[in-house]
Amino acid sequence: MPFQSGQDVLDKVENQTVPEIVCSADCEPPCTYIRSKAGTTYPNPLSLSTAMRGNAGQYTCTASNSVGQGNKTWNRIVRCKYVV
């Protein structure tokens, strides 16, 4: 099941606005989606409006239907601002 094109890496500076990220694939019959990070599931679309340190990491989108299942992984990088 081919996933629709999207970013494999989302690189933002801490506190920057983050666009809504939608997990989607070309599925027939239609797919259901699960988005996860380190065993925690999140809704689809994933809305993390502000880049925060705790949002950094590897996310996986799993699309499944009665025919099969597919995964797409992407990384979120959050660059921290340090004031010296």
N, C-alpha and C. Protein backbone atom coordinates (compact mmCIF):
# COMPACT_ATOMS: atom_id res chain seq x y z
N MET A 1 0.84 -1.16 0.00
CA MET A 1 0.00 0.00 0.00
C MET A 1 0.89 1.23 0.00
N PRO A 2 0.90 1.98 -1.08
CA PRO A 2 1.79 3.15 -1.19
C PRO A 2 1.27 4.34 -0.38
N PHE A 3 2.16 4.93 0.37
CA PHE A 3 1.81 6.12 1.14
C PHE A 3 1.93 7.34 0.24
N GLN A 4 1.06 8.31 0.50
CA GLN A 4 1.15 9.55 -0.26
C GLN A 4 2.41 10.28 0.18
N SER A 5 3.02 10.99 -0.75
CA SER A 5 4.31 11.61 -0.46
C SER A 5 4.19 12.59 0.70
N GLY A 6 5.24 12.67 1.44
CA GLY A 6 5.30 13.57 2.58
C GLY A 6 6.73 13.64 3.06
N GLN A 7 6.95 14.45 4.05
CA GLN A 7 8.30 14.62 4.55
C GLN A 7 8.73 13.42 5.38
N ASP A 8 10.00 13.04 5.25
CA ASP A 8 10.55 11.99 6.10
C ASP A 8 11.19 12.59 7.35
N VAL A 9 11.49 13.90 7.28
CA VAL A 9 12.08 14.61 8.42
C VAL A 9 11.37 15.95 8.56
N LEU A 10 10.97 16.27 9.78
CA LEU A 10 10.40 17.57 10.08
C LEU A 10 11.35 18.23 11.08
N ASP A 11 12.03 19.28 10.64
CA ASP A 11 13.08 19.92 11.42
C ASP A 11 12.62 21.33 11.77
N LYS A 12 12.38 21.58 13.06
CA LYS A 12 11.90 22.89 13.51
C LYS A 12 12.69 23.36 14.72
N VAL A 13 12.72 24.67 14.91
CA VAL A 13 13.31 25.27 16.10
C VAL A 13 12.24 25.28 17.18
N GLU A 14 12.64 25.05 18.41
CA GLU A 14 11.71 25.02 19.53
C GLU A 14 10.82 26.26 19.52
N ASN A 15 9.53 26.04 19.76
CA ASN A 15 8.48 27.06 19.80
C ASN A 15 8.03 27.56 18.44
N GLN A 16 8.57 27.02 17.33
CA GLN A 16 8.06 27.37 16.01
C GLN A 16 6.72 26.67 15.78
N THR A 17 5.92 27.25 14.90
CA THR A 17 4.65 26.65 14.52
C THR A 17 4.91 25.43 13.64
N VAL A 18 4.16 24.37 13.89
CA VAL A 18 4.30 23.12 13.14
C VAL A 18 3.00 22.87 12.37
N PRO A 19 3.10 22.59 11.07
CA PRO A 19 1.87 22.30 10.32
C PRO A 19 1.26 20.97 10.75
N GLU A 20 -0.05 20.84 10.56
CA GLU A 20 -0.73 19.59 10.84
C GLU A 20 -0.19 18.51 9.90
N ILE A 21 0.07 17.34 10.41
CA ILE A 21 0.65 16.27 9.62
C ILE A 21 -0.39 15.17 9.46
N VAL A 22 -0.72 14.86 8.20
CA VAL A 22 -1.74 13.86 7.91
C VAL A 22 -1.07 12.59 7.39
N CYS A 23 -1.48 11.48 7.94
CA CYS A 23 -1.01 10.18 7.49
C CYS A 23 -2.05 9.66 6.50
N SER A 24 -1.62 9.38 5.28
CA SER A 24 -2.58 8.86 4.29
C SER A 24 -1.86 7.94 3.31
N ALA A 25 -2.63 7.00 2.78
CA ALA A 25 -2.10 6.03 1.81
C ALA A 25 -3.18 5.76 0.78
N ASP A 26 -2.76 5.24 -0.35
CA ASP A 26 -3.70 4.84 -1.38
C ASP A 26 -4.21 3.45 -1.05
N CYS A 27 -5.44 3.36 -0.55
CA CYS A 27 -5.98 2.09 -0.05
C CYS A 27 -7.33 1.78 -0.68
N GLU A 28 -7.52 0.52 -1.02
CA GLU A 28 -8.82 0.03 -1.48
C GLU A 28 -8.96 -1.39 -0.98
N PRO A 29 -9.86 -1.69 -0.06
CA PRO A 29 -10.82 -0.79 0.58
C PRO A 29 -10.12 0.24 1.47
N PRO A 30 -10.85 1.28 1.90
CA PRO A 30 -10.26 2.36 2.67
C PRO A 30 -9.51 1.85 3.92
N CYS A 31 -8.46 2.58 4.27
CA CYS A 31 -7.63 2.23 5.42
C CYS A 31 -8.07 2.94 6.69
N THR A 32 -7.68 2.35 7.80
CA THR A 32 -7.70 3.05 9.08
C THR A 32 -6.24 3.34 9.42
N TYR A 33 -6.01 4.39 10.20
CA TYR A 33 -4.65 4.84 10.46
C TYR A 33 -4.38 4.92 11.96
N ILE A 34 -3.17 4.53 12.31
CA ILE A 34 -2.68 4.69 13.68
C ILE A 34 -1.33 5.39 13.58
N ARG A 35 -1.17 6.43 14.34
CA ARG A 35 0.09 7.17 14.39
C ARG A 35 0.67 6.91 15.77
N SER A 36 1.96 6.60 15.85
CA SER A 36 2.55 6.28 17.15
C SER A 36 3.98 6.80 17.27
N LYS A 37 4.38 6.95 18.52
CA LYS A 37 5.77 7.33 18.86
C LYS A 37 6.10 6.59 20.15
N ALA A 38 7.10 5.75 20.09
CA ALA A 38 7.58 5.02 21.28
C ALA A 38 6.44 4.32 22.03
N GLY A 39 5.53 3.69 21.29
CA GLY A 39 4.46 2.93 21.92
C GLY A 39 3.22 3.72 22.30
N THR A 40 3.25 5.03 22.14
CA THR A 40 2.09 5.88 22.44
C THR A 40 1.39 6.21 21.13
N THR A 41 0.07 6.04 21.08
CA THR A 41 -0.66 6.34 19.85
C THR A 41 -1.21 7.76 19.89
N TYR A 42 -1.34 8.35 18.70
CA TYR A 42 -1.81 9.72 18.52
C TYR A 42 -2.89 9.73 17.46
N PRO A 43 -3.76 10.75 17.48
CA PRO A 43 -4.81 10.83 16.45
C PRO A 43 -4.23 11.18 15.09
N ASN A 44 -5.02 10.93 14.06
CA ASN A 44 -4.67 11.31 12.69
C ASN A 44 -5.77 12.26 12.20
N PRO A 45 -5.48 13.48 11.81
CA PRO A 45 -4.14 14.04 11.64
C PRO A 45 -3.48 14.36 12.97
N LEU A 46 -2.16 14.38 12.94
CA LEU A 46 -1.36 14.68 14.11
C LEU A 46 -1.20 16.18 14.21
N SER A 47 -1.69 16.76 15.30
CA SER A 47 -1.62 18.20 15.47
C SER A 47 -0.75 18.54 16.67
N LEU A 48 0.47 18.92 16.40
CA LEU A 48 1.40 19.37 17.44
C LEU A 48 1.76 20.80 17.05
N SER A 49 0.89 21.73 17.39
CA SER A 49 0.94 23.08 16.84
C SER A 49 2.24 23.83 17.12
N THR A 50 2.94 23.48 18.19
CA THR A 50 4.19 24.15 18.52
C THR A 50 5.28 23.11 18.74
N ALA A 51 6.44 23.34 18.15
CA ALA A 51 7.57 22.41 18.32
C ALA A 51 8.10 22.50 19.75
N MET A 52 8.05 21.37 20.45
CA MET A 52 8.56 21.32 21.82
C MET A 52 9.52 20.14 21.94
N ARG A 53 10.44 20.21 22.87
CA ARG A 53 11.46 19.16 23.03
C ARG A 53 10.84 17.78 23.16
N GLY A 54 9.75 17.66 23.89
CA GLY A 54 9.10 16.38 24.10
C GLY A 54 8.49 15.78 22.85
N ASN A 55 8.33 16.60 21.80
CA ASN A 55 7.76 16.12 20.54
C ASN A 55 8.82 15.52 19.62
N ALA A 56 10.08 15.68 19.94
CA ALA A 56 11.16 15.16 19.09
C ALA A 56 11.15 13.64 19.13
N GLY A 57 11.52 13.03 18.02
CA GLY A 57 11.64 11.57 17.98
C GLY A 57 11.15 10.98 16.69
N GLN A 58 11.05 9.66 16.68
CA GLN A 58 10.64 8.93 15.49
C GLN A 58 9.16 8.55 15.61
N TYR A 59 8.39 8.91 14.60
CA TYR A 59 6.96 8.62 14.55
C TYR A 59 6.71 7.60 13.46
N THR A 60 5.68 6.77 13.65
CA THR A 60 5.30 5.78 12.66
C THR A 60 3.81 5.92 12.37
N CYS A 61 3.49 5.89 11.09
CA CYS A 61 2.09 5.86 10.65
C CYS A 61 1.84 4.45 10.14
N THR A 62 0.80 3.81 10.66
CA THR A 62 0.41 2.48 10.20
C THR A 62 -0.95 2.59 9.54
N ALA A 63 -1.01 2.18 8.29
CA ALA A 63 -2.27 2.14 7.54
C ALA A 63 -2.65 0.68 7.38
N SER A 64 -3.91 0.34 7.65
CA SER A 64 -4.32 -1.06 7.51
C SER A 64 -5.75 -1.16 7.00
N ASN A 65 -6.01 -2.24 6.30
CA ASN A 65 -7.35 -2.59 5.86
C ASN A 65 -7.42 -4.12 5.76
N SER A 66 -8.50 -4.64 5.20
CA SER A 66 -8.67 -6.09 5.15
C SER A 66 -7.68 -6.78 4.22
N VAL A 67 -7.01 -6.00 3.35
CA VAL A 67 -6.04 -6.57 2.40
C VAL A 67 -4.64 -6.67 3.01
N GLY A 68 -4.30 -5.71 3.86
CA GLY A 68 -2.95 -5.72 4.43
C GLY A 68 -2.66 -4.51 5.28
N GLN A 69 -1.37 -4.28 5.49
CA GLN A 69 -0.92 -3.21 6.37
C GLN A 69 0.39 -2.66 5.84
N GLY A 70 0.61 -1.37 6.05
CA GLY A 70 1.87 -0.74 5.67
C GLY A 70 2.27 0.30 6.70
N ASN A 71 3.56 0.60 6.76
CA ASN A 71 4.08 1.58 7.72
C ASN A 71 4.93 2.62 7.02
N LYS A 72 4.90 3.83 7.54
CA LYS A 72 5.80 4.89 7.10
C LYS A 72 6.35 5.54 8.36
N THR A 73 7.66 5.73 8.40
CA THR A 73 8.31 6.33 9.57
C THR A 73 8.89 7.67 9.19
N TRP A 74 8.80 8.63 10.09
CA TRP A 74 9.42 9.93 9.86
C TRP A 74 9.98 10.43 11.18
N ASN A 75 10.93 11.33 11.11
CA ASN A 75 11.60 11.87 12.29
C ASN A 75 11.25 13.33 12.50
N ARG A 76 11.02 13.67 13.74
CA ARG A 76 10.80 15.06 14.10
C ARG A 76 12.02 15.51 14.90
N ILE A 77 12.67 16.54 14.38
CA ILE A 77 13.83 17.12 15.05
C ILE A 77 13.40 18.47 15.62
N VAL A 78 13.68 18.69 16.88
CA VAL A 78 13.38 19.98 17.51
C VAL A 78 14.70 20.56 17.98
N ARG A 79 15.09 21.66 17.40
CA ARG A 79 16.32 22.34 17.78
C ARG A 79 16.02 23.30 18.92
N CYS A 80 16.72 23.12 20.01
CA CYS A 80 16.47 23.92 21.22
C CYS A 80 17.22 25.22 21.19
N LYS A 81 16.56 26.24 21.70
CA LYS A 81 17.19 27.55 21.84
C LYS A 81 17.79 27.63 23.24
N TYR A 82 19.05 27.93 23.30
CA TYR A 82 19.70 28.10 24.60
C TYR A 82 20.16 29.54 24.73
N VAL A 83 19.87 30.11 25.88
CA VAL A 83 20.30 31.48 26.15
C VAL A 83 21.44 31.41 27.15
N VAL A 84 22.54 32.01 26.79
CA VAL A 84 23.72 31.97 27.66
C VAL A 84 23.91 33.32 28.30
